[in-house]
Amino acid sequence: MSAEVGTRIEAPPKLGGQLATGGGLGFAESIARRTDTRRASKGVCGPAASMRRDSLFRRLLLVADAAAIVAAYLLTVALAPAAHASWVALAGVPLLLLGAKVTGLYDRDEALLRKTTLDEAPKLFQLATLAALLAWLGGGGVLGGGLLGRGSAILLWMALAALLLVARGAAWALALRLTPAERCLLIGDERSAERIRAKLAGRGGVKAELVAAIDFDSAAPWSSDSFSELRLAEIRYLADSLDVQRAIIAPSETDGVDLLNLVRTLKAVGVRVSVLPRLLEVVGSTVEFDDLHGITVMGVRRFDLSRSSARVKRLFDFLGAALGLAVISPTMAAIALAIKLDSRGPVFFRQVRVGRHGQRFQMLKFRTMVNGADAMKDTLRERNEACGQMFKIAEDPRITRVGRWLRKCSLDELPQLINVLRGEMSLVGPRPLVIDEDRHVEGWHRRRLELMPGMTGHWQILGGPARVPLREMVAIDYLYVASWSLWTDLKILLRTVPHVLGRHGL
């Protein structure tokens, strides 16, 4: 294990025998002596620090929700002619906060590494809908004057939903800024440790660091089925010595009972637990948990889209592309003129890509390179910075002055809205690959072609083709197809906006 990941903890020989015969805390003490024991927060460490961190998140979210509810109420009163403010209406604030608590909106963060308001949006919309409905049914008793009309109820619903999202987003950002990084111990192989370290580094909504790693086999004594105060004392000592607040378990091939007992041991001493489920790498995250009279059965949804889902997705794409083109058509005209004035050649760049079911189509972009740039690729191949079979150079000499600006702002991708209208692309979907790249996609990963390629997707949010290797990208695309929902598309579009505004490019 490299020093960047943290300390690699190796179990001494006959560890199980040590513990079984009452060997004391020798293993944990040896770990503490060979490991960086700096504390994330002085005086408070391990599980105690997790409790303080969780408490801060809950309190800030509670304040944010209360502020959003009051602000939405005052905004509705100000804009509704027949209503006036009433102190009686404020009695609804604790009721809505109780509703948020009941739906679990204050208890999610302790189980999550990545904090994001978008994942909470469905519950927030449900809460806002319930509040607006009760206010409408309650009439004047809620807003204090006149009967609350349909228009005022809709205004209250829109204001409450929007302000809850904004306020919670601000609360998450503030809480992440005020709290130190969550210190994590990985239990798994070295490859998993490297993957987790890369995912934790510099990702939005995540403030965590991998401080140490241990093989799953080395943690076997903690996964015993028998309850032992000695084992609890050892793992508690380890958590305190390393200041570990969360354990990330990455099992390869292990007995489910051993994994369950390991989780129980870690949770018994107050360590948060996250598990990398290998099964989801195959079936995706869209599963249904079925209680079969005390036995939990996980139902896997169909891989491809149903006919109705495909029509909904196509309607969403068509309306989104049509509206987008209507709004940005003046901008596209100005860009076309700038391209013609800057260099010789056509306005659009057409490139053959592989689309749905392997059908090929011409993807449109604004031309950002000199005319005949493809013929120059072989002379520049040694400067390729992309991973795997992809080709990308940060300071590509073929890029024109206008093209460089278009790429920084991702405006060169706008003509793909025409591809969406034609039915060749989708707003969100797997990345459209060129023919040379598509040849390297084999096996089950080719099922990514069950959906139309998209202008954006998970691959874009993760940094684009220059940062995501082809093998990982096609796996991400496969899971997107396996887990598709319209809400997933909406979340990806919303997350693409700050990514583009940050000028990361597509």
Protein backbone atom coordinates (compact mmCIF):
# COMPACT_ATOMS: atom_id res chain seq x y z
CA MET A 1 0.00 0.00 0.00
CA SER A 2 1.40 3.39 -0.93
CA ALA A 3 1.86 6.05 1.73
CA GLU A 4 -0.77 8.22 0.02
CA VAL A 5 -3.57 5.87 1.02
CA GLY A 6 -2.60 5.66 4.66
CA THR A 7 -1.12 2.92 6.76
CA ARG A 8 -1.47 -0.67 5.65
CA ILE A 9 -2.09 -2.77 8.76
CA GLU A 10 -0.85 -6.32 8.62
CA ALA A 11 -2.07 -8.85 11.16
CA PRO A 12 0.67 -10.73 13.06
CA PRO A 13 0.87 -14.50 12.70
CA LYS A 14 -1.59 -16.55 14.74
CA LEU A 15 -3.71 -13.53 15.53
CA GLY A 16 -6.78 -15.66 16.04
CA GLY A 17 -4.89 -17.79 18.57
CA GLN A 18 -3.72 -14.71 20.45
CA LEU A 19 -7.26 -13.52 20.95
CA ALA A 20 -8.66 -16.92 21.74
CA THR A 21 -6.13 -17.45 24.54
CA GLY A 22 -6.55 -14.00 26.01
CA GLY A 23 -3.60 -12.36 24.27
CA GLY A 24 -4.84 -8.95 25.36
CA LEU A 25 -4.58 -5.84 23.22
CA GLY A 26 -1.21 -6.69 21.71
CA PHE A 27 -2.41 -6.48 18.10
CA ALA A 28 -4.19 -3.16 18.60
CA GLU A 29 -1.25 -1.73 20.53
CA SER A 30 1.17 -2.72 17.78
CA ILE A 31 -1.10 -1.06 15.25
CA ALA A 32 -1.19 2.13 17.29
CA ARG A 33 2.61 2.26 17.52
CA ARG A 34 3.07 1.77 13.75
CA THR A 35 0.30 4.11 12.64
CA ASP A 36 -0.18 7.85 12.35
CA THR A 37 -2.24 8.61 15.46
CA ARG A 38 -2.85 12.30 14.88
CA ARG A 39 -6.36 13.27 15.91
CA ALA A 40 -8.79 15.05 13.62
CA SER A 41 -10.06 17.03 16.59
CA LYS A 42 -8.11 17.43 19.85
CA GLY A 43 -9.68 15.87 22.91
CA VAL A 44 -12.44 14.06 20.96
CA CYS A 45 -11.74 11.09 18.73
CA GLY A 46 -13.25 8.02 17.12
CA PRO A 47 -16.93 7.30 17.81
CA ALA A 48 -17.24 10.34 20.10
CA ALA A 49 -16.20 12.60 17.23
CA SER A 50 -18.78 10.92 15.00
CA MET A 51 -21.52 11.72 17.49
CA ARG A 52 -20.51 15.39 17.62
CA ARG A 53 -20.33 15.54 13.84
CA ASP A 54 -23.77 13.96 13.43
CA SER A 55 -25.24 16.29 16.04
CA LEU A 56 -23.93 19.35 14.19
CA PHE A 57 -25.38 18.14 10.89
CA ARG A 58 -28.80 17.48 12.45
CA ARG A 59 -28.95 20.86 14.19
CA LEU A 60 -27.96 22.82 11.10
CA LEU A 61 -30.50 20.93 8.99
CA LEU A 62 -33.19 21.59 11.58
CA VAL A 63 -32.42 25.33 11.58
CA ALA A 64 -32.34 25.37 7.77
CA ASP A 65 -35.72 23.64 7.51
CA ALA A 66 -37.32 25.97 10.05
CA ALA A 67 -35.95 29.04 8.26
CA ALA A 68 -37.17 27.74 4.88
CA ILE A 69 -40.68 27.06 6.22
CA VAL A 70 -41.00 30.53 7.79
CA ALA A 71 -39.59 32.22 4.67
CA ALA A 72 -42.00 30.34 2.39
CA TYR A 73 -44.92 31.33 4.63
CA LEU A 74 -43.94 35.02 4.66
CA LEU A 75 -43.37 35.02 0.89
CA THR A 76 -46.83 33.55 0.30
CA VAL A 77 -48.42 36.14 2.62
CA ALA A 78 -46.58 38.94 0.82
CA LEU A 79 -47.66 37.80 -2.65
CA ALA A 80 -51.20 36.59 -1.82
CA PRO A 81 -53.51 39.63 -1.80
CA ALA A 82 -56.20 38.08 0.41
CA ALA A 83 -53.86 36.81 3.14
CA HIS A 84 -52.13 38.46 6.05
CA ALA A 85 -49.61 37.21 8.60
CA SER A 86 -50.80 35.40 11.71
CA TRP A 87 -48.87 34.00 14.65
CA VAL A 88 -51.24 31.03 14.63
CA ALA A 89 -49.73 29.89 11.35
CA LEU A 90 -46.32 29.44 13.00
CA ALA A 91 -47.77 26.46 14.88
CA GLY A 92 -47.39 24.58 11.64
CA VAL A 93 -43.59 24.91 11.76
CA PRO A 94 -42.99 22.24 14.45
CA LEU A 95 -45.52 19.98 12.71
CA LEU A 96 -43.56 20.14 9.46
CA LEU A 97 -40.29 19.61 11.31
CA LEU A 98 -41.83 16.55 12.95
CA GLY A 99 -42.88 15.34 9.50
CA ALA A 100 -39.29 15.74 8.29
CA LYS A 101 -38.07 13.74 11.28
CA VAL A 102 -40.59 10.97 10.71
CA THR A 103 -39.54 10.60 7.07
CA GLY A 104 -35.88 10.25 8.13
CA LEU A 105 -34.56 13.57 6.79
CA TYR A 106 -32.42 14.12 9.92
CA ASP A 107 -31.02 10.62 10.22
CA ARG A 108 -29.54 9.96 6.76
CA ASP A 109 -26.18 11.70 7.19
CA GLU A 110 -24.75 9.27 9.73
CA ALA A 111 -25.03 6.45 7.19
CA LEU A 112 -23.72 8.43 4.22
CA LEU A 113 -20.27 9.46 3.08
CA ARG A 114 -21.60 11.75 0.37
CA LYS A 115 -23.95 14.48 1.50
CA THR A 116 -26.27 15.79 -1.21
CA THR A 117 -29.62 17.55 -1.13
CA LEU A 118 -30.68 16.21 -4.52
CA ASP A 119 -31.09 12.70 -3.12
CA GLU A 120 -33.48 14.13 -0.52
CA ALA A 121 -35.51 16.10 -3.05
CA PRO A 122 -38.33 13.53 -3.45
CA LYS A 123 -39.01 13.53 0.30
CA LEU A 124 -38.76 17.32 0.43
CA PHE A 125 -41.29 17.62 -2.39
CA GLN A 126 -43.60 15.25 -0.53
CA LEU A 127 -43.26 17.37 2.62
CA ALA A 128 -43.97 20.58 0.70
CA THR A 129 -46.96 18.98 -1.02
CA LEU A 130 -48.43 17.84 2.28
CA ALA A 131 -47.92 21.30 3.82
CA ALA A 132 -49.55 23.08 0.88
CA LEU A 133 -52.45 20.64 0.86
CA LEU A 134 -53.10 21.09 4.59
CA ALA A 135 -52.82 24.87 4.22
CA TRP A 136 -55.35 24.84 1.39
CA LEU A 137 -57.76 22.61 3.28
CA GLY A 138 -57.27 24.70 6.42
CA GLY A 139 -58.11 27.87 4.53
CA GLY A 140 -57.94 31.14 6.39
CA GLY A 141 -56.97 29.52 9.67
CA VAL A 142 -53.53 28.78 8.26
CA LEU A 143 -52.59 32.03 6.59
CA GLY A 144 -54.73 34.14 8.87
CA GLY A 145 -57.01 35.82 6.42
CA GLY A 146 -59.54 34.82 3.81
CA LEU A 147 -59.75 31.41 2.23
CA LEU A 148 -56.45 30.21 0.86
CA GLY A 149 -57.05 29.99 -2.88
CA ARG A 150 -55.67 27.44 -5.27
CA GLY A 151 -53.12 29.91 -6.63
CA SER A 152 -51.85 30.77 -3.15
CA ALA A 153 -51.56 27.08 -2.27
CA ILE A 154 -49.51 26.45 -5.41
CA LEU A 155 -47.31 29.44 -4.55
CA LEU A 156 -46.80 28.10 -1.03
CA TRP A 157 -45.90 24.67 -2.41
CA MET A 158 -43.38 26.04 -4.93
CA ALA A 159 -41.79 28.41 -2.41
CA LEU A 160 -41.53 25.74 0.28
CA ALA A 161 -40.05 23.11 -2.05
CA ALA A 162 -37.49 25.53 -3.51
CA LEU A 163 -36.48 27.09 -0.19
CA LEU A 164 -36.12 23.71 1.51
CA LEU A 165 -33.72 22.59 -1.23
CA VAL A 166 -31.70 25.81 -1.09
CA ALA A 167 -31.59 26.02 2.71
CA ARG A 168 -30.61 22.38 3.10
CA GLY A 169 -27.91 22.73 0.47
CA ALA A 170 -26.48 25.69 2.38
CA ALA A 171 -26.68 23.74 5.66
CA TRP A 172 -24.80 20.78 4.15
CA ALA A 173 -22.08 23.10 2.79
CA LEU A 174 -21.72 24.89 6.13
CA ALA A 175 -21.61 21.66 8.12
CA LEU A 176 -18.94 20.21 5.83
CA ARG A 177 -16.89 23.38 6.20
CA LEU A 178 -17.15 23.41 10.01
CA THR A 179 -16.38 19.74 10.60
CA PRO A 180 -13.04 17.99 10.10
CA ALA A 181 -12.70 15.23 7.54
CA GLU A 182 -14.27 11.94 8.53
CA ARG A 183 -11.48 9.44 9.17
CA CYS A 184 -12.06 6.06 7.57
CA LEU A 185 -10.54 2.60 7.97
CA LEU A 186 -10.83 0.33 4.95
CA ILE A 187 -11.22 -3.40 5.49
CA GLY A 188 -10.46 -5.01 2.15
CA ASP A 189 -7.80 -5.49 -0.48
CA GLU A 190 -5.32 -2.93 -1.75
CA ARG A 191 -7.17 -2.35 -5.01
CA SER A 192 -10.33 -1.40 -3.13
CA ALA A 193 -8.33 0.98 -0.94
CA GLU A 194 -6.93 2.74 -4.00
CA ARG A 195 -10.41 3.06 -5.55
CA ILE A 196 -11.93 4.46 -2.36
CA ARG A 197 -9.07 6.91 -1.87
CA ALA A 198 -9.56 8.23 -5.41
CA LYS A 199 -13.32 8.61 -4.89
CA LEU A 200 -12.90 10.45 -1.59
CA ALA A 201 -10.38 12.95 -2.97
CA GLY A 202 -11.85 16.25 -4.10
CA ARG A 203 -15.43 15.11 -4.66
CA GLY A 204 -18.37 17.39 -4.04
CA GLY A 205 -20.36 16.65 -0.90
CA VAL A 206 -17.64 14.36 0.47
CA LYS A 207 -15.25 15.27 3.27
CA ALA A 208 -13.51 12.09 4.32
CA GLU A 209 -10.03 10.59 4.25
CA LEU A 210 -8.71 7.06 4.25
CA VAL A 211 -6.23 6.86 7.13
CA ALA A 212 -5.53 3.13 7.26
CA ALA A 213 -6.35 -0.18 5.60
CA ILE A 214 -6.47 -3.78 6.75
CA ASP A 215 -7.07 -7.02 4.84
CA PHE A 216 -10.45 -8.64 5.34
CA ASP A 217 -8.75 -11.85 6.44
CA SER A 218 -6.83 -9.94 9.11
CA ALA A 219 -10.10 -8.72 10.56
CA ALA A 220 -11.44 -12.28 10.81
CA PRO A 221 -11.15 -12.41 14.63
CA TRP A 222 -13.62 -9.53 14.82
CA SER A 223 -16.14 -11.42 12.69
CA SER A 224 -16.54 -14.31 15.09
CA ASP A 225 -20.09 -15.33 15.88
CA SER A 226 -19.42 -15.41 19.62
CA PHE A 227 -19.74 -12.20 21.63
CA SER A 228 -16.45 -11.28 23.31
CA GLU A 229 -15.62 -8.26 25.46
CA LEU A 230 -11.98 -8.76 24.50
CA ARG A 231 -12.76 -8.36 20.80
CA LEU A 232 -14.86 -5.29 21.49
CA ALA A 233 -12.07 -3.81 23.59
CA GLU A 234 -9.54 -4.43 20.83
CA ILE A 235 -11.58 -2.85 18.04
CA ARG A 236 -12.50 0.04 20.36
CA TYR A 237 -8.82 0.60 21.13
CA LEU A 238 -8.02 0.51 17.43
CA ALA A 239 -10.75 3.04 16.62
CA ASP A 240 -9.55 5.40 19.35
CA SER A 241 -5.86 5.01 18.47
CA LEU A 242 -6.38 5.75 14.78
CA ASP A 243 -9.20 8.21 15.44
CA VAL A 244 -11.38 6.12 13.13
CA GLN A 245 -14.99 7.22 12.80
CA ARG A 246 -16.09 4.97 9.92
CA ALA A 247 -15.10 1.57 8.58
CA ILE A 248 -15.52 0.87 4.86
CA ILE A 249 -15.78 -2.87 4.22
CA ALA A 250 -14.88 -4.14 0.74
CA PRO A 251 -15.38 -7.93 0.84
CA SER A 252 -14.12 -9.97 -2.10
CA GLU A 253 -15.41 -13.50 -1.61
CA THR A 254 -16.48 -14.17 1.94
CA ASP A 255 -19.20 -15.83 3.93
CA GLY A 256 -22.15 -13.54 4.48
CA VAL A 257 -22.24 -14.57 8.15
CA ASP A 258 -18.65 -13.38 8.67
CA LEU A 259 -19.48 -10.06 7.07
CA LEU A 260 -22.59 -9.67 9.21
CA ASN A 261 -20.66 -10.42 12.41
CA LEU A 262 -17.93 -7.96 11.46
CA VAL A 263 -20.52 -5.25 10.92
CA ARG A 264 -22.11 -6.06 14.28
CA THR A 265 -18.75 -5.82 16.06
CA LEU A 266 -17.90 -2.46 14.50
CA LYS A 267 -21.32 -0.99 15.22
CA ALA A 268 -21.20 -2.28 18.80
CA VAL A 269 -18.28 0.06 19.56
CA GLY A 270 -19.86 3.05 17.81
CA VAL A 271 -17.94 2.93 14.49
CA ARG A 272 -19.99 3.89 11.43
CA VAL A 273 -20.04 1.19 8.76
CA SER A 274 -20.24 1.40 4.98
CA VAL A 275 -20.15 -1.71 2.78
CA LEU A 276 -19.21 -1.96 -0.89
CA PRO A 277 -21.87 -4.36 -2.24
CA ARG A 278 -20.32 -6.36 -5.06
CA LEU A 279 -23.75 -7.46 -6.21
CA LEU A 280 -24.69 -3.91 -7.20
CA GLU A 281 -21.81 -3.90 -9.69
CA VAL A 282 -23.93 -6.38 -11.65
CA VAL A 283 -27.56 -5.47 -10.99
CA GLY A 284 -27.28 -1.71 -10.39
CA SER A 285 -28.73 0.25 -7.49
CA THR A 286 -32.40 0.04 -8.50
CA VAL A 287 -33.55 -2.94 -6.50
CA GLU A 288 -36.62 -3.63 -4.42
CA PHE A 289 -36.34 -5.14 -0.95
CA ASP A 290 -39.07 -7.67 -0.27
CA ASP A 291 -39.90 -8.92 3.22
CA LEU A 292 -40.75 -12.60 2.76
CA HIS A 293 -42.15 -13.24 6.25
CA GLY A 294 -38.91 -12.40 8.03
CA ILE A 295 -36.50 -13.14 5.17
CA THR A 296 -35.31 -10.19 3.11
CA VAL A 297 -35.33 -10.90 -0.62
CA MET A 298 -33.84 -8.42 -3.07
CA GLY A 299 -35.81 -8.17 -6.29
CA VAL A 300 -33.87 -7.04 -9.36
CA ARG A 301 -35.71 -4.95 -11.91
CA ARG A 302 -35.55 -5.65 -15.64
CA PHE A 303 -32.41 -4.39 -17.32
CA ASP A 304 -33.90 -2.54 -20.25
CA LEU A 305 -36.59 0.14 -20.18
CA SER A 306 -40.24 -0.81 -20.42
CA ARG A 307 -42.14 0.59 -23.39
CA SER A 308 -43.84 3.25 -21.27
CA SER A 309 -40.53 4.28 -19.61
CA ALA A 310 -38.86 4.58 -23.01
CA ARG A 311 -41.67 6.84 -24.21
CA VAL A 312 -41.45 9.00 -21.08
CA LYS A 313 -37.70 9.37 -21.53
CA ARG A 314 -38.11 10.25 -25.22
CA LEU A 315 -40.81 12.83 -24.46
CA PHE A 316 -38.60 14.36 -21.78
CA ASP A 317 -35.68 14.54 -24.22
CA PHE A 318 -37.75 16.04 -27.04
CA LEU A 319 -39.33 18.75 -24.90
CA GLY A 320 -36.03 19.57 -23.21
CA ALA A 321 -34.13 19.81 -26.51
CA ALA A 322 -36.87 21.88 -28.19
CA LEU A 323 -37.04 24.31 -25.29
CA GLY A 324 -33.25 24.51 -25.11
CA LEU A 325 -32.88 25.29 -28.80
CA ALA A 326 -35.61 27.95 -28.64
CA VAL A 327 -33.86 29.69 -25.73
CA ILE A 328 -30.26 29.50 -26.95
CA SER A 329 -30.74 29.96 -30.70
CA PRO A 330 -29.42 33.59 -30.58
CA THR A 331 -26.37 32.38 -28.69
CA MET A 332 -25.75 29.62 -31.23
CA ALA A 333 -26.01 32.13 -34.09
CA ALA A 334 -23.41 34.36 -32.41
CA ILE A 335 -21.09 31.40 -31.87
CA ALA A 336 -21.42 30.35 -35.52
CA LEU A 337 -20.45 33.86 -36.66
CA ALA A 338 -17.43 33.91 -34.30
CA ILE A 339 -16.22 30.55 -35.67
CA LYS A 340 -16.44 31.73 -39.29
CA LEU A 341 -14.55 34.94 -38.48
CA ASP A 342 -11.84 33.13 -36.49
CA SER A 343 -10.76 30.41 -38.93
CA ARG A 344 -11.58 28.79 -42.24
CA GLY A 345 -13.80 25.77 -42.36
CA PRO A 346 -17.37 24.69 -41.54
CA VAL A 347 -19.25 25.86 -38.45
CA PHE A 348 -20.14 22.33 -37.34
CA PHE A 349 -17.84 19.41 -36.69
CA ARG A 350 -19.41 16.06 -37.57
CA GLN A 351 -18.03 12.87 -36.13
CA VAL A 352 -19.31 9.31 -36.49
CA ARG A 353 -20.29 7.83 -33.12
CA VAL A 354 -21.83 4.53 -32.06
CA GLY A 355 -25.41 4.96 -30.87
CA ARG A 356 -28.24 2.80 -29.62
CA HIS A 357 -28.06 -0.88 -30.62
CA GLY A 358 -24.72 -0.18 -32.30
CA GLN A 359 -26.19 2.07 -34.99
CA ARG A 360 -23.83 4.79 -36.16
CA PHE A 361 -24.75 8.45 -36.45
CA GLN A 362 -23.06 11.80 -37.00
CA MET A 363 -22.73 13.70 -33.73
CA LEU A 364 -22.70 17.49 -34.10
CA LYS A 365 -20.42 19.93 -32.33
CA PHE A 366 -19.28 23.45 -32.98
CA ARG A 367 -15.90 23.24 -34.69
CA THR A 368 -13.18 24.07 -32.16
CA MET A 369 -10.11 22.92 -34.13
CA VAL A 370 -8.47 23.92 -37.35
CA ASN A 371 -9.84 22.31 -40.48
CA GLY A 372 -8.30 18.86 -41.03
CA ALA A 373 -7.41 18.30 -37.35
CA ASP A 374 -8.04 14.54 -37.56
CA ALA A 375 -5.17 14.11 -40.00
CA MET A 376 -2.81 15.62 -37.39
CA LYS A 377 -3.75 13.16 -34.60
CA ASP A 378 -1.02 10.59 -35.34
CA THR A 379 1.73 13.20 -35.00
CA LEU A 380 0.41 14.17 -31.55
CA ARG A 381 -0.38 10.71 -30.15
CA GLU A 382 2.68 10.69 -27.86
CA ARG A 383 1.21 13.69 -26.00
CA ASN A 384 -2.07 11.90 -25.27
CA GLU A 385 -3.18 12.48 -21.65
CA ALA A 386 -6.41 10.45 -21.64
CA CYS A 387 -6.72 7.00 -20.10
CA GLY A 388 -6.91 3.77 -22.06
CA GLN A 389 -7.90 4.02 -25.72
CA MET A 390 -9.12 7.63 -25.59
CA PHE A 391 -7.30 10.62 -27.02
CA LYS A 392 -7.19 14.02 -25.33
CA ILE A 393 -4.52 16.72 -24.90
CA ALA A 394 -5.02 19.57 -22.45
CA GLU A 395 -3.09 22.12 -24.53
CA ASP A 396 -3.95 20.78 -27.97
CA PRO A 397 -2.23 22.94 -30.64
CA ARG A 398 -5.04 22.19 -33.11
CA ILE A 399 -7.60 24.16 -31.08
CA THR A 400 -8.52 27.61 -32.39
CA ARG A 401 -8.86 30.74 -30.23
CA VAL A 402 -12.65 30.66 -30.29
CA GLY A 403 -12.59 26.88 -29.90
CA ARG A 404 -10.56 27.08 -26.70
CA TRP A 405 -13.14 29.39 -25.16
CA LEU A 406 -16.02 27.21 -26.36
CA ARG A 407 -14.45 24.13 -24.78
CA LYS A 408 -13.84 25.84 -21.44
CA CYS A 409 -17.52 26.81 -21.30
CA SER A 410 -18.71 23.51 -22.87
CA LEU A 411 -20.61 25.52 -25.48
CA ASP A 412 -19.22 23.40 -28.30
CA GLU A 413 -21.64 20.65 -27.21
CA LEU A 414 -24.80 22.72 -27.81
CA PRO A 415 -25.48 21.47 -31.39
CA GLN A 416 -26.05 18.00 -29.94
CA LEU A 417 -29.53 19.26 -29.03
CA ILE A 418 -30.23 18.78 -32.74
CA ASN A 419 -29.14 15.13 -32.39
CA VAL A 420 -31.56 14.82 -29.48
CA LEU A 421 -34.43 16.20 -31.56
CA ARG A 422 -33.61 13.74 -34.33
CA GLY A 423 -33.81 10.86 -31.87
CA GLU A 424 -30.13 9.96 -32.25
CA MET A 425 -29.15 11.05 -28.74
CA SER A 426 -30.66 11.67 -25.33
CA LEU A 427 -30.11 14.51 -22.87
CA VAL A 428 -28.72 11.97 -20.39
CA GLY A 429 -27.26 8.61 -21.25
CA PRO A 430 -24.10 6.58 -21.90
CA ARG A 431 -21.25 8.46 -23.49
CA PRO A 432 -21.30 8.16 -27.30
CA LEU A 433 -18.05 6.46 -28.27
CA VAL A 434 -16.15 6.76 -31.51
CA ILE A 435 -15.76 3.56 -33.51
CA ASP A 436 -12.19 2.86 -32.33
CA GLU A 437 -13.21 3.15 -28.68
CA ASP A 438 -16.35 1.06 -29.14
CA ARG A 439 -14.29 -1.87 -30.46
CA HIS A 440 -12.72 -2.24 -27.00
CA VAL A 441 -16.08 -2.62 -25.25
CA GLU A 442 -16.80 -6.31 -24.84
CA GLY A 443 -19.05 -8.74 -23.02
CA TRP A 444 -21.96 -7.58 -20.91
CA HIS A 445 -20.70 -4.00 -21.02
CA ARG A 446 -22.05 -3.79 -24.56
CA ARG A 447 -25.52 -3.68 -23.06
CA ARG A 448 -24.80 0.00 -22.42
CA LEU A 449 -26.06 0.36 -26.01
CA GLU A 450 -29.60 -0.51 -24.88
CA LEU A 451 -30.11 3.23 -24.33
CA MET A 452 -29.39 6.14 -26.64
CA PRO A 453 -26.12 7.94 -25.87
CA GLY A 454 -26.41 11.17 -23.95
CA MET A 455 -25.11 14.73 -24.00
CA THR A 456 -24.19 14.23 -20.36
CA GLY A 457 -24.10 11.40 -17.86
CA HIS A 458 -22.29 10.04 -14.82
CA TRP A 459 -19.05 9.99 -16.82
CA GLN A 460 -19.25 13.76 -17.36
CA ILE A 461 -19.79 14.57 -13.69
CA LEU A 462 -16.82 12.40 -12.72
CA GLY A 463 -14.51 14.49 -14.87
CA GLY A 464 -14.99 13.44 -18.47
CA PRO A 465 -13.02 11.00 -20.63
CA ALA A 466 -9.67 12.52 -19.68
CA ARG A 467 -10.08 11.40 -16.05
CA VAL A 468 -12.21 8.26 -16.32
CA PRO A 469 -10.62 5.23 -17.99
CA LEU A 470 -12.62 3.56 -20.75
CA ARG A 471 -13.08 0.35 -18.73
CA GLU A 472 -14.53 2.24 -15.75
CA MET A 473 -16.65 4.46 -17.99
CA VAL A 474 -18.41 1.57 -19.73
CA ALA A 475 -19.06 -0.06 -16.33
CA ILE A 476 -20.65 3.20 -15.15
CA ASP A 477 -22.74 3.32 -18.32
CA TYR A 478 -23.88 -0.28 -17.78
CA LEU A 479 -25.04 0.52 -14.24
CA TYR A 480 -26.84 3.64 -15.47
CA VAL A 481 -28.86 1.51 -17.88
CA ALA A 482 -29.55 -1.06 -15.14
CA SER A 483 -30.73 1.62 -12.71
CA TRP A 484 -32.47 4.12 -14.99
CA SER A 485 -35.22 6.38 -13.71
CA LEU A 486 -36.43 9.81 -14.78
CA TRP A 487 -35.36 11.19 -11.41
CA THR A 488 -31.83 9.90 -12.09
CA ASP A 489 -31.79 11.89 -15.35
CA LEU A 490 -32.97 15.03 -13.55
CA LYS A 491 -30.28 14.67 -10.89
CA ILE A 492 -27.55 14.22 -13.49
CA LEU A 493 -28.73 17.30 -15.41
CA LEU A 494 -28.77 19.38 -12.22
CA ARG A 495 -25.31 18.16 -11.23
CA THR A 496 -24.00 18.91 -14.71
CA VAL A 497 -24.84 22.61 -14.34
CA PRO A 498 -22.29 23.45 -11.60
CA HIS A 499 -19.77 21.19 -13.33
CA VAL A 500 -20.08 23.16 -16.57
CA LEU A 501 -20.17 26.52 -14.79
CA GLY A 502 -16.94 25.48 -13.09
CA ARG A 503 -15.51 25.17 -16.61
CA HIS A 504 -14.51 21.52 -16.30
CA GLY A 505 -15.76 20.89 -19.81
CA LEU A 506 -17.48 17.88 -21.28
